[in-house]
PDB file of N, CA and C in Angstrom:
ATOM      1  N   UNK A   1       0.859  -1.159   0.001  1.00  0.00           N
ATOM      2  CA  UNK A   1      -0.104  -0.027  -0.063  1.00  0.00           C
ATOM      3  C   UNK A   1       0.893   1.186   0.082  1.00  0.00           C
ATOM      4  N   UNK A   2       0.785   2.014  -0.945  1.00  0.00           N
ATOM      5  CA  UNK A   2       1.606   3.238  -1.186  1.00  0.00           C
ATOM      6  C   UNK A   2       1.366   4.243   0.034  1.00  0.00           C
ATOM      7  N   UNK A   3       0.248   4.390   0.595  1.00  0.00           N
ATOM      8  CA  UNK A   3      -0.089   5.372   1.603  1.00  0.00           C
ATOM      9  C   UNK A   3       0.654   4.959   2.998  1.00  0.00           C
ATOM     10  N   UNK A   4       0.859   3.574   3.176  1.00  0.00           N
ATOM     11  CA  UNK A   4       1.444   3.211   4.320  1.00  0.00           C
ATOM     12  C   UNK A   4       2.910   3.624   4.384  1.00  0.00           C
ATOM     13  N   UNK A   5       3.587   3.401   3.126  1.00  0.00           N
ATOM     14  CA  UNK A   5       5.038   3.842   3.073  1.00  0.00           C
ATOM     15  C   UNK A   5       5.084   5.386   3.220  1.00  0.00           C
ATOM     16  N   UNK A   6       4.189   6.083   2.590  1.00  0.00           N
ATOM     17  CA  UNK A   6       4.225   7.525   2.812  1.00  0.00           C
ATOM     18  C   UNK A   6       3.931   7.879   4.303  1.00  0.00           C
ATOM     19  N   UNK A   7       3.054   7.311   4.889  1.00  0.00           N
ATOM     20  CA  UNK A   7       2.874   7.683   6.478  1.00  0.00           C
ATOM     21  C   UNK A   7       4.091   7.218   7.256  1.00  0.00           C
ATOM     22  N   UNK A   8       4.689   6.255   6.797  1.00  0.00           N
ATOM     23  CA  UNK A   8       6.043   5.833   7.706  1.00  0.00           C
ATOM     24  C   UNK A   8       7.054   6.669   7.362  1.00  0.00           C
ATOM     25  N   UNK A   9       7.190   7.046   6.103  1.00  0.00           N
ATOM     26  CA  UNK A   9       8.274   8.113   5.727  1.00  0.00           C
ATOM     27  C   UNK A   9       7.995   9.419   6.532  1.00  0.00           C
ATOM     28  N   UNK A  10       6.688   9.865   6.501  1.00  0.00           N
ATOM     29  CA  UNK A  10       6.446  11.009   7.319  1.00  0.00           C
ATOM     30  C   UNK A  10       6.644  10.891   8.882  1.00  0.00           C
ATOM     31  N   UNK A  11       6.407   9.910   9.356  1.00  0.00           N
ATOM     32  CA  UNK A  11       6.698   9.581  10.865  1.00  0.00           C
ATOM     33  C   UNK A  11       8.214   9.672  11.036  1.00  0.00           C
ATOM     34  N   UNK A  12       8.953   8.948  10.205  1.00  0.00           N
ATOM     35  CA  UNK A  12      10.445   9.143  10.311  1.00  0.00           C
ATOM     36  C   UNK A  12      10.882  10.581  10.192  1.00  0.00           C
ATOM     37  N   UNK A  13      10.319  11.309   9.315  1.00  0.00           N
ATOM     38  CA  UNK A  13      10.663  12.941   9.147  1.00  0.00           C
ATOM     39  C   UNK A  13      10.312  13.662  10.341  1.00  0.00           C
ATOM     40  N   UNK A  14       9.112  13.468  10.920  1.00  0.00           N
ATOM     41  CA  UNK A  14       8.678  14.152  12.087  1.00  0.00           C
ATOM     42  C   UNK A  14       9.616  13.550  13.263  1.00  0.00           C
ATOM     43  N   UNK A  15       9.963  12.407  13.457  1.00  0.00           N
ATOM     44  CA  UNK A  15      10.732  12.043  14.541  1.00  0.00           C
ATOM     45  C   UNK A  15      12.148  12.794  14.606  1.00  0.00           C
ATOM     46  N   UNK A  16      12.604  12.990  13.341  1.00  0.00           N
ATOM     47  CA  UNK A  16      13.945  13.742  13.150  1.00  0.00           C
ATOM     48  C   UNK A  16      13.675  15.207  13.605  1.00  0.00           C
ATOM     49  N   UNK A  17      12.560  15.758  13.325  1.00  0.00           N
ATOM     50  CA  UNK A  17      12.212  17.200  13.703  1.00  0.00           C
ATOM     51  C   UNK A  17      12.160  17.169  15.381  1.00  0.00           C
ATOM     52  N   UNK A  18      11.323  16.212  15.801  1.00  0.00           N
ATOM     53  CA  UNK A  18      11.222  16.205  17.370  1.00  0.00           C
ATOM     54  C   UNK A  18      12.506  15.963  18.087  1.00  0.00           C
ATOM     55  N   UNK A  19      13.354  15.218  17.509  1.00  0.00           N
ATOM     56  CA  UNK A  19      14.807  15.050  18.217  1.00  0.00           C
ATOM     57  C   UNK A  19      15.494  16.242  18.066  1.00  0.00           C
ATOM     58  N   UNK A  20      15.541  17.009  16.872  1.00  0.00           N
ATOM     59  CA  UNK A  20      16.332  18.177  16.733  1.00  0.00           C
ATOM     60  C   UNK A  20      15.800  19.331  17.505  1.00  0.00           C
ATOM     61  N   UNK A  21      14.532  19.308  17.690  1.00  0.00           N
ATOM     62  CA  UNK A  21      13.935  20.593  18.382  1.00  0.00           C
ATOM     63  C   UNK A  21      13.806  20.248  19.875  1.00  0.00           C
ATOM     64  N   UNK A  22      14.036  18.889  20.341  1.00  0.00           N
ATOM     65  CA  UNK A  22      13.967  18.352  21.716  1.00  0.00           C
ATOM     66  C   UNK A  22      12.404  18.424  22.200  1.00  0.00           C
ATOM     67  N   UNK A  23      11.626  18.075  21.252  1.00  0.00           N
ATOM     68  CA  UNK A  23      10.183  17.723  21.593  1.00  0.00           C
ATOM     69  C   UNK A  23      10.009  16.400  22.061  1.00  0.00           C
ATOM     70  N   UNK A  24       9.160  16.383  23.171  1.00  0.00           N
ATOM     71  CA  UNK A  24       8.886  15.111  23.783  1.00  0.00           C
ATOM     72  C   UNK A  24       7.427  14.544  23.255  1.00  0.00           C
ATOM     73  N   UNK A  25       6.495  15.598  23.192  1.00  0.00           N
ATOM     74  CA  UNK A  25       5.072  15.010  22.869  1.00  0.00           C
ATOM     75  C   UNK A  25       4.691  15.897  21.769  1.00  0.00           C
ATOM     76  N   UNK A  26       4.118  15.068  20.852  1.00  0.00           N
ATOM     77  CA  UNK A  26       3.403  15.682  19.539  1.00  0.00           C
ATOM     78  C   UNK A  26       1.902  15.567  19.883  1.00  0.00           C
ATOM     79  N   UNK A  27       1.224  16.645  19.824  1.00  0.00           N
ATOM     80  CA  UNK A  27      -0.281  16.542  20.005  1.00  0.00           C
ATOM     81  C   UNK A  27      -0.961  16.359  18.754  1.00  0.00           C
ATOM     82  N   UNK A  28      -0.611  17.014  17.642  1.00  0.00           N
ATOM     83  CA  UNK A  28      -1.145  16.863  16.477  1.00  0.00           C
ATOM     84  C   UNK A  28      -0.264  17.121  15.189  1.00  0.00           C
ATOM     85  N   UNK A  29      -0.591  16.555  14.117  1.00  0.00           N
ATOM     86  CA  UNK A  29       0.197  16.766  12.884  1.00  0.00           C
ATOM     87  C   UNK A  29      -0.959  17.158  11.759  1.00  0.00           C
ATOM     88  N   UNK A  30      -0.580  18.226  10.950  1.00  0.00           N
ATOM     89  CA  UNK A  30      -1.411  18.694   9.824  1.00  0.00           C
ATOM     90  C   UNK A  30      -0.606  18.559   8.502  1.00  0.00           C
ATOM     91  N   UNK A  31      -1.363  17.716   7.617  1.00  0.00           N
ATOM     92  CA  UNK A  31      -0.675  17.537   6.425  1.00  0.00           C
ATOM     93  C   UNK A  31      -1.645  18.091   5.298  1.00  0.00           C
ATOM     94  N   UNK A  32      -1.077  18.537   4.246  1.00  0.00           N
ATOM     95  CA  UNK A  32      -1.808  18.980   3.069  1.00  0.00           C
ATOM     96  C   UNK A  32      -1.697  18.124   2.055  1.00  0.00           C
ATOM     97  N   UNK A  33      -2.733  17.704   1.322  1.00  0.00           N
ATOM     98  CA  UNK A  33      -2.658  16.541   0.342  1.00  0.00           C
ATOM     99  C   UNK A  33      -3.378  17.133  -0.910  1.00  0.00           C
ATOM    100  N   UNK A  34      -2.618  17.337  -1.948  1.00  0.00           N
ATOM    101  CA  UNK A  34      -3.226  17.854  -3.194  1.00  0.00           C
ATOM    102  C   UNK A  34      -4.007  16.935  -4.038  1.00  0.00           C
ATOM    103  N   UNK A  35      -4.921  17.543  -4.843  1.00  0.00           N
ATOM    104  CA  UNK A  35      -5.760  16.535  -5.566  1.00  0.00           C
ATOM    105  C   UNK A  35      -5.045  15.750  -6.562  1.00  0.00           C
ATOM    106  N   UNK A  36      -3.830  16.319  -6.992  1.00  0.00           N
ATOM    107  CA  UNK A  36      -3.142  15.441  -8.030  1.00  0.00           C
ATOM    108  C   UNK A  36      -1.919  14.889  -7.428  1.00  0.00           C
ATOM    109  N   UNK A  37      -1.931  14.763  -5.982  1.00  0.00           N
ATOM    110  CA  UNK A  37      -0.555  14.294  -5.369  1.00  0.00           C
ATOM    111  C   UNK A  37      -0.445  12.681  -5.517  1.00  0.00           C
ATOM    112  N   UNK A  38      -1.589  12.028  -5.784  1.00  0.00           N
ATOM    113  CA  UNK A  38      -1.603  10.533  -5.989  1.00  0.00           C
ATOM    114  C   UNK A  38      -1.731   9.812  -4.584  1.00  0.00           C
ATOM    115  N   UNK A  39      -1.992  10.635  -3.621  1.00  0.00           N
ATOM    116  CA  UNK A  39      -2.330  10.177  -2.279  1.00  0.00           C
ATOM    117  C   UNK A  39      -3.778   9.905  -1.976  1.00  0.00           C
ATOM    118  N   UNK A  40      -4.174   8.863  -1.790  1.00  0.00           N
ATOM    119  CA  UNK A  40      -5.648   8.570  -1.437  1.00  0.00           C
ATOM    120  C   UNK A  40      -5.824   8.817   0.135  1.00  0.00           C
ATOM    121  N   UNK A  41      -6.590   9.927   0.355  1.00  0.00           N
ATOM    122  CA  UNK A  41      -6.803  10.536   1.620  1.00  0.00           C
ATOM    123  C   UNK A  41      -7.259   9.635   2.763  1.00  0.00           C
ATOM    124  N   UNK A  42      -8.345   8.895   2.293  1.00  0.00           N
ATOM    125  CA  UNK A  42      -8.934   7.900   3.327  1.00  0.00           C
ATOM    126  C   UNK A  42      -7.967   6.769   3.446  1.00  0.00           C
ATOM    127  N   UNK A  43      -7.186   6.306   2.579  1.00  0.00           N
ATOM    128  CA  UNK A  43      -6.177   5.267   2.861  1.00  0.00           C
ATOM    129  C   UNK A  43      -5.094   5.734   3.761  1.00  0.00           C
ATOM    130  N   UNK A  44      -4.692   7.051   3.515  1.00  0.00           N
ATOM    131  CA  UNK A  44      -3.517   7.664   4.258  1.00  0.00           C
ATOM    132  C   UNK A  44      -4.104   7.647   5.786  1.00  0.00           C
ATOM    133  N   UNK A  45      -5.338   8.209   5.918  1.00  0.00           N
ATOM    134  CA  UNK A  45      -5.850   8.250   7.312  1.00  0.00           C
ATOM    135  C   UNK A  45      -5.881   6.892   7.895  1.00  0.00           C
ATOM    136  N   UNK A  46      -6.312   5.837   7.233  1.00  0.00           N
ATOM    137  CA  UNK A  46      -6.362   4.647   7.752  1.00  0.00           C
ATOM    138  C   UNK A  46      -4.967   4.003   8.107  1.00  0.00           C
ATOM    139  N   UNK A  47      -3.998   4.366   7.332  1.00  0.00           N
ATOM    140  CA  UNK A  47      -2.467   3.879   7.533  1.00  0.00           C
ATOM    141  C   UNK A  47      -1.899   4.667   8.669  1.00  0.00           C
ATOM    142  N   UNK A  48      -2.359   5.872   8.926  1.00  0.00           N
ATOM    143  CA  UNK A  48      -1.618   6.741   9.912  1.00  0.00           C
ATOM    144  C   UNK A  48      -1.538   6.171  11.270  1.00  0.00           C
ATOM    145  N   UNK A  49      -2.525   5.591  11.932  1.00  0.00           N
ATOM    146  CA  UNK A  49      -2.408   4.957  13.335  1.00  0.00           C
ATOM    147  C   UNK A  49      -1.451   3.853  13.245  1.00  0.00           C
ATOM    148  N   UNK A  50      -1.321   3.110  12.147  1.00  0.00           N
ATOM    149  CA  UNK A  50      -0.380   1.917  12.045  1.00  0.00           C
ATOM    150  C   UNK A  50       1.000   2.437  12.117  1.00  0.00           C
ATOM    151  N   UNK A  51       1.247   3.497  11.299  1.00  0.00           N
ATOM    152  CA  UNK A  51       2.571   4.118  11.151  1.00  0.00           C
ATOM    153  C   UNK A  51       3.088   4.763  12.631  1.00  0.00           C
ATOM    154  N   UNK A  52       2.164   5.324  13.329  1.00  0.00           N
ATOM    155  CA  UNK A  52       2.637   5.895  14.616  1.00  0.00           C
ATOM    156  C   UNK A  52       2.739   5.055  15.797  1.00  0.00           C
ATOM    157  N   UNK A  53       2.065   3.906  15.698  1.00  0.00           N
ATOM    158  CA  UNK A  53       2.175   2.970  16.716  1.00  0.00           C
ATOM    159  C   UNK A  53       3.520   2.726  17.416  1.00  0.00           C
ATOM    160  N   UNK A  54       3.777   2.871  18.657  1.00  0.00           N
ATOM    161  CA  UNK A  54       4.975   2.545  19.201  1.00  0.00           C
ATOM    162  C   UNK A  54       6.083   3.537  18.886  1.00  0.00           C
ATOM    163  N   UNK A  55       5.791   4.769  18.424  1.00  0.00           N
ATOM    164  CA  UNK A  55       6.771   5.764  18.180  1.00  0.00           C
ATOM    165  C   UNK A  55       6.334   6.982  19.049  1.00  0.00           C
ATOM    166  N   UNK A  56       7.311   8.053  19.006  1.00  0.00           N
ATOM    167  CA  UNK A  56       6.786   9.236  19.767  1.00  0.00           C
ATOM    168  C   UNK A  56       5.669   9.944  19.387  1.00  0.00           C
ATOM    169  N   UNK A  57       5.245   9.606  18.212  1.00  0.00           N
ATOM    170  CA  UNK A  57       3.886  10.365  17.712  1.00  0.00           C
ATOM    171  C   UNK A  57       2.658   9.619  18.086  1.00  0.00           C
ATOM    172  N   UNK A  58       2.927   8.396  18.760  1.00  0.00           N
ATOM    173  CA  UNK A  58       1.798   7.538  19.129  1.00  0.00           C
ATOM    174  C   UNK A  58       0.783   8.422  20.030  1.00  0.00           C
ATOM    175  N   UNK A  59      -0.504   8.424  19.573  1.00  0.00           N
ATOM    176  CA  UNK A  59      -1.461   9.340  20.112  1.00  0.00           C
ATOM    177  C   UNK A  59      -1.852  10.694  19.506  1.00  0.00           C
ATOM    178  N   UNK A  60      -0.992  10.933  18.606  1.00  0.00           N
ATOM    179  CA  UNK A  60      -1.127  12.294  17.976  1.00  0.00           C
ATOM    180  C   UNK A  60      -2.070  12.380  16.922  1.00  0.00           C
ATOM    181  N   UNK A  61      -2.975  13.327  17.049  1.00  0.00           N
ATOM    182  CA  UNK A  61      -4.065  13.456  16.073  1.00  0.00           C
ATOM    183  C   UNK A  61      -3.619  13.853  14.531  1.00  0.00           C
ATOM    184  N   UNK A  62      -4.317  13.339  13.708  1.00  0.00           N
ATOM    185  CA  UNK A  62      -3.892  13.688  12.274  1.00  0.00           C
ATOM    186  C   UNK A  62      -5.101  14.761  11.795  1.00  0.00           C
ATOM    187  N   UNK A  63      -4.545  15.693  11.272  1.00  0.00           N
ATOM    188  CA  UNK A  63      -5.507  16.594  10.290  1.00  0.00           C
ATOM    189  C   UNK A  63      -5.081  16.605   8.937  1.00  0.00           C
ATOM    190  N   UNK A  64      -5.999  16.517   7.965  1.00  0.00           N
ATOM    191  CA  UNK A  64      -5.624  16.596   6.667  1.00  0.00           C
ATOM    192  C   UNK A  64      -6.395  17.755   6.030  1.00  0.00           C
ATOM    193  N   UNK A  65      -5.523  18.511   5.387  1.00  0.00           N
ATOM    194  CA  UNK A  65      -6.105  19.672   4.588  1.00  0.00           C
ATOM    195  C   UNK A  65      -6.082  19.219   3.060  1.00  0.00           C
ATOM    196  N   UNK A  66      -7.164  19.333   2.274  1.00  0.00           N
ATOM    197  CA  UNK A  66      -7.330  19.038   0.887  1.00  0.00           C
ATOM    198  C   UNK A  66      -6.919  20.332   0.188  1.00  0.00           C
ATOM    199  N   UNK A  67      -5.940  20.143  -0.716  1.00  0.00           N
ATOM    200  CA  UNK A  67      -5.518  21.197  -1.669  1.00  0.00           C
ATOM    201  C   UNK A  67      -6.016  21.032  -2.945  1.00  0.00           C
ATOM    202  N   UNK A  68      -6.975  21.905  -3.455  1.00  0.00           N
ATOM    203  CA  UNK A  68      -7.504  21.807  -4.732  1.00  0.00           C
ATOM    204  C   UNK A  68      -6.556  22.089  -5.829  1.00  0.00           C
ATOM    205  N   UNK A  69      -6.851  21.531  -6.959  1.00  0.00           N
ATOM    206  CA  UNK A  69      -5.979  21.903  -8.126  1.00  0.00           C
ATOM    207  C   UNK A  69      -6.361  23.294  -8.659  1.00  0.00           C
ATOM    208  N   UNK A  70      -5.251  24.007  -8.910  1.00  0.00           N
ATOM    209  CA  UNK A  70      -5.449  25.413  -9.297  1.00  0.00           C
ATOM    210  C   UNK A  70      -4.433  25.464 -10.593  1.00  0.00           C
ATOM    211  N   UNK A  71      -5.088  26.046 -11.627  1.00  0.00           N
ATOM    212  CA  UNK A  71      -4.318  26.180 -12.895  1.00  0.00           C
ATOM    213  C   UNK A  71      -4.095  27.663 -13.228  1.00  0.00           C
ATOM    214  N   UNK A  72      -3.010  28.041 -14.010  1.00  0.00           N
ATOM    215  CA  UNK A  72      -2.890  29.251 -14.522  1.00  0.00           C
ATOM    216  C   UNK A  72      -2.908  29.153 -16.114  1.00  0.00           C
ATOM    217  N   UNK A  73      -3.828  29.917 -16.745  1.00  0.00           N
ATOM    218  CA  UNK A  73      -3.859  29.693 -18.205  1.00  0.00           C
ATOM    219  C   UNK A  73      -2.825  30.452 -18.951  1.00  0.00           C
ATOM    220  N   UNK A  74      -2.044  29.949 -19.709  1.00  0.00           N
ATOM    221  CA  UNK A  74      -0.897  30.576 -20.485  1.00  0.00           C
ATOM    222  C   UNK A  74      -1.352  31.469 -21.672  1.00  0.00           C
ATOM    223  N   UNK A  75      -2.684  31.221 -22.046  1.00  0.00           N
ATOM    224  CA  UNK A  75      -3.508  31.955 -23.058  1.00  0.00           C
ATOM    225  C   UNK A  75      -4.186  33.129 -22.484  1.00  0.00           C
ATOM    226  N   UNK A  76      -5.098  32.983 -21.632  1.00  0.00           N
ATOM    227  CA  UNK A  76      -5.933  34.243 -21.138  1.00  0.00           C
ATOM    228  C   UNK A  76      -5.371  34.779 -19.833  1.00  0.00           C
ATOM    229  N   UNK A  77      -4.386  34.085 -19.119  1.00  0.00           N
ATOM    230  CA  UNK A  77      -3.890  34.523 -17.792  1.00  0.00           C
ATOM    231  C   UNK A  77      -4.711  34.474 -16.596  1.00  0.00           C
ATOM    232  N   UNK A  78      -5.754  33.717 -16.768  1.00  0.00           N
ATOM    233  CA  UNK A  78      -6.750  33.564 -15.647  1.00  0.00           C
ATOM    234  C   UNK A  78      -6.343  32.330 -14.962  1.00  0.00           C
ATOM    235  N   UNK A  79      -6.484  32.513 -13.417  1.00  0.00           N
ATOM    236  CA  UNK A  79      -6.528  31.233 -12.599  1.00  0.00           C
ATOM    237  C   UNK A  79      -7.801  30.603 -12.557  1.00  0.00           C
ATOM    238  N   UNK A  80      -7.718  29.375 -12.518  1.00  0.00           N
ATOM    239  CA  UNK A  80      -9.047  28.585 -12.399  1.00  0.00           C
ATOM    240  C   UNK A  80      -8.931  27.163 -11.754  1.00  0.00           C
ATOM    241  N   UNK A  81      -9.908  26.751 -11.213  1.00  0.00           N
ATOM    242  CA  UNK A  81     -10.028  25.284 -10.847  1.00  0.00           C
ATOM    243  C   UNK A  81     -10.771  24.606 -11.767  1.00  0.00           C
ATOM    244  N   UNK A  82     -10.234  23.537 -12.437  1.00  0.00           N
ATOM    245  CA  UNK A  82     -11.099  22.862 -13.279  1.00  0.00           C
ATOM    246  C   UNK A  82     -12.059  21.912 -12.523  1.00  0.00           C
ATOM    247  N   UNK A  83     -13.162  21.535 -13.231  1.00  0.00           N
ATOM    248  CA  UNK A  83     -14.182  20.761 -12.613  1.00  0.00           C
ATOM    249  C   UNK A  83     -13.655  19.270 -12.596  1.00  0.00           C
ATOM    250  N   UNK A  84     -13.040  18.837 -13.547  1.00  0.00           N
ATOM    251  CA  UNK A  84     -12.421  17.496 -13.653  1.00  0.00           C
ATOM    252  C   UNK A  84     -10.856  17.595 -13.411  1.00  0.00           C
ATOM    253  N   UNK A  85     -10.395  16.977 -12.494  1.00  0.00           N
ATOM    254  CA  UNK A  85      -8.918  17.068 -12.317  1.00  0.00           C
ATOM    255  C   UNK A  85      -8.222  16.369 -13.377  1.00  0.00           C
ATOM    256  N   UNK A  86      -8.820  15.535 -14.179  1.00  0.00           N
ATOM    257  CA  UNK A  86      -8.081  14.702 -15.209  1.00  0.00           C
ATOM    258  C   UNK A  86      -8.176  15.626 -16.437  1.00  0.00           C
ATOM    259  N   UNK A  87      -8.889  16.622 -16.494  1.00  0.00           N
ATOM    260  CA  UNK A  87      -8.928  17.465 -17.918  1.00  0.00           C
ATOM    261  C   UNK A  87      -8.246  18.761 -17.519  1.00  0.00           C
ATOM    262  N   UNK A  88      -7.079  18.917 -17.790  1.00  0.00           N
ATOM    263  CA  UNK A  88      -6.320  20.108 -17.518  1.00  0.00           C
ATOM    264  C   UNK A  88      -6.411  21.084 -18.528  1.00  0.00           C
ATOM    265  N   UNK A  89      -7.470  21.790 -18.330  1.00  0.00           N
ATOM    266  CA  UNK A  89      -7.677  23.018 -19.373  1.00  0.00           C
ATOM    267  C   UNK A  89      -8.297  24.164 -18.514  1.00  0.00           C
ATOM    268  N   UNK A  90      -8.143  25.351 -19.049  1.00  0.00           N
ATOM    269  CA  UNK A  90      -8.695  26.534 -18.437  1.00  0.00           C
ATOM    270  C   UNK A  90     -10.168  26.469 -18.279  1.00  0.00           C
ATOM    271  N   UNK A  91     -10.612  26.747 -17.206  1.00  0.00           N
ATOM    272  CA  UNK A  91     -12.077  26.785 -17.003  1.00  0.00           C
ATOM    273  C   UNK A  91     -12.719  28.045 -17.499  1.00  0.00           C
ATOM    274  N   UNK A  92     -11.907  29.126 -17.919  1.00  0.00           N
ATOM    275  CA  UNK A  92     -12.526  30.350 -18.513  1.00  0.00           C
ATOM    276  C   UNK A  92     -12.515  30.287 -19.860  1.00  0.00           C
ATOM    277  N   UNK A  93     -11.315  29.939 -20.666  1.00  0.00           N
ATOM    278  CA  UNK A  93     -11.323  29.912 -22.078  1.00  0.00           C
ATOM    279  C   UNK A  93     -11.066  28.520 -22.721  1.00  0.00           C
ATOM    280  N   UNK A  94     -11.032  27.616 -21.888  1.00  0.00           N
ATOM    281  CA  UNK A  94     -10.861  26.161 -22.271  1.00  0.00           C
ATOM    282  C   UNK A  94      -9.569  25.710 -22.973  1.00  0.00           C
ATOM    283  N   UNK A  95      -8.551  26.632 -22.874  1.00  0.00           N
ATOM    284  CA  UNK A  95      -7.292  26.353 -23.417  1.00  0.00           C
ATOM    285  C   UNK A  95      -6.607  25.130 -22.768  1.00  0.00           C
ATOM    286  N   UNK A  96      -5.830  24.441 -23.314  1.00  0.00           N
ATOM    287  CA  UNK A  96      -5.112  23.235 -22.805  1.00  0.00           C
ATOM    288  C   UNK A  96      -3.735  23.781 -22.277  1.00  0.00           C
ATOM    289  N   UNK A  97      -3.434  24.999 -22.825  1.00  0.00           N
ATOM    290  CA  UNK A  97      -2.111  25.497 -22.351  1.00  0.00           C
ATOM    291  C   UNK A  97      -2.148  26.173 -20.965  1.00  0.00           C
ATOM    292  N   UNK A  98      -1.973  25.272 -19.950  1.00  0.00           N
ATOM    293  CA  UNK A  98      -1.952  25.725 -18.529  1.00  0.00           C
ATOM    294  C   UNK A  98      -0.904  25.246 -17.676  1.00  0.00           C
ATOM    295  N   UNK A  99      -0.495  25.985 -16.674  1.00  0.00           N
ATOM    296  CA  UNK A  99       0.493  25.631 -15.656  1.00  0.00           C
ATOM    297  C   UNK A  99      -0.210  25.292 -14.444  1.00  0.00           C
ATOM    298  N   UNK A 100       0.286  24.320 -13.781  1.00  0.00           N
ATOM    299  CA  UNK A 100      -0.293  23.806 -12.475  1.00  0.00           C
ATOM    300  C   UNK A 100       0.272  24.695 -11.405  1.00  0.00           C
ATOM    301  N   UNK A 101      -0.540  25.354 -10.547  1.00  0.00           N
ATOM    302  CA  UNK A 101      -0.180  26.130  -9.584  1.00  0.00           C
ATOM    303  C   UNK A 101      -0.259  25.508  -8.187  1.00  0.00           C
ATOM    304  N   UNK A 102      -1.174  24.738  -7.985  1.00  0.00           N
ATOM    305  CA  UNK A 102      -1.295  23.988  -6.836  1.00  0.00           C
ATOM    306  C   UNK A 102      -1.987  22.639  -7.011  1.00  0.00           C
ATOM    307  N   UNK A 103      -1.947  21.690  -6.072  1.00  0.00           N
ATOM    308  CA  UNK A 103      -2.652  20.482  -6.098  1.00  0.00           C
ATOM    309  C   UNK A 103      -1.761  19.205  -6.287  1.00  0.00           C
ATOM    310  N   UNK A 104      -0.443  19.367  -6.304  1.00  0.00           N
ATOM    311  CA  UNK A 104       0.310  18.244  -6.664  1.00  0.00           C
ATOM    312  C   UNK A 104       1.133  17.889  -5.336  1.00  0.00           C
ATOM    313  N   UNK A 105       1.032  18.644  -4.318  1.00  0.00           N
ATOM    314  CA  UNK A 105       1.877  18.490  -3.120  1.00  0.00           C
ATOM    315  C   UNK A 105       1.294  17.503  -2.119  1.00  0.00           C
ATOM    316  N   UNK A 106       2.275  16.877  -1.358  1.00  0.00           N
ATOM    317  CA  UNK A 106       1.959  16.282  -0.178  1.00  0.00           C
ATOM    318  C   UNK A 106       2.962  16.746   0.963  1.00  0.00           C
ATOM    319  N   UNK A 107       2.462  17.620   1.807  1.00  0.00           N
ATOM    320  CA  UNK A 107       3.352  18.420   2.593  1.00  0.00           C
ATOM    321  C   UNK A 107       2.865  18.346   4.012  1.00  0.00           C
ATOM    322  N   UNK A 108       4.031  18.264   5.018  1.00  0.00           N
ATOM    323  CA  UNK A 108       3.500  18.534   6.460  1.00  0.00           C
ATOM    324  C   UNK A 108       3.345  20.095   6.693  1.00  0.00           C
ATOM    325  N   UNK A 109       2.243  20.428   7.074  1.00  0.00           N
ATOM    326  CA  UNK A 109       1.900  21.983   7.215  1.00  0.00           C
ATOM    327  C   UNK A 109       2.305  22.335   8.577  1.00  0.00           C
ATOM    328  N   UNK A 110       1.943  21.680   9.631  1.00  0.00           N
ATOM    329  CA  UNK A 110       2.248  22.099  10.882  1.00  0.00           C
ATOM    330  C   UNK A 110       2.271  20.857  11.882  1.00  0.00           C
ATOM    331  N   UNK A 111       3.085  21.136  13.133  1.00  0.00           N
ATOM    332  CA  UNK A 111       3.051  20.271  14.156  1.00  0.00           C
ATOM    333  C   UNK A 111       2.754  20.947  15.521  1.00  0.00           C
ATOM    334  N   UNK A 112       1.774  20.423  16.257  1.00  0.00           N
ATOM    335  CA  UNK A 112       1.376  20.860  17.496  1.00  0.00           C
ATOM    336  C   UNK A 112       1.975  20.183  18.469  1.00  0.00           C
ATOM    337  N   UNK A 113       2.952  20.837  19.317  1.00  0.00           N
ATOM    338  CA  UNK A 113       3.686  20.148  20.276  1.00  0.00           C
ATOM    339  C   UNK A 113       3.274  20.519  21.710  1.00  0.00           C
ATOM    340  N   UNK A 114       3.796  19.777  22.668  1.00  0.00           N
ATOM    341  CA  UNK A 114       3.510  20.018  24.042  1.00  0.00           C
ATOM    342  C   UNK A 114       4.882  20.068  24.746  1.00  0.00           C
TER     343      UNK A 114
END
């Protein structure tokens, strides 16, 4: 399962941060998952408790922010959110010449510590 390996890698990264910052207890972690990140949110939520079990993160609450796909049209210059994430075209002029502005990321946004 792809999401389990992502959750495990995230736990490793957070443990490194906790050690560096001398944090003993993590209360919560917030991650941002983009619409085009390839991460299935519900599967990630399911895998999270398995990944934190027996680690310093054990008991920390997980918050997931969903990041929508945003595009910049290279023809008309407008920013838009396509209705279908698999049809990458401008929602204003329908051009296929677009640049992805957001929605591809999988990022740790914040850690709440005690």
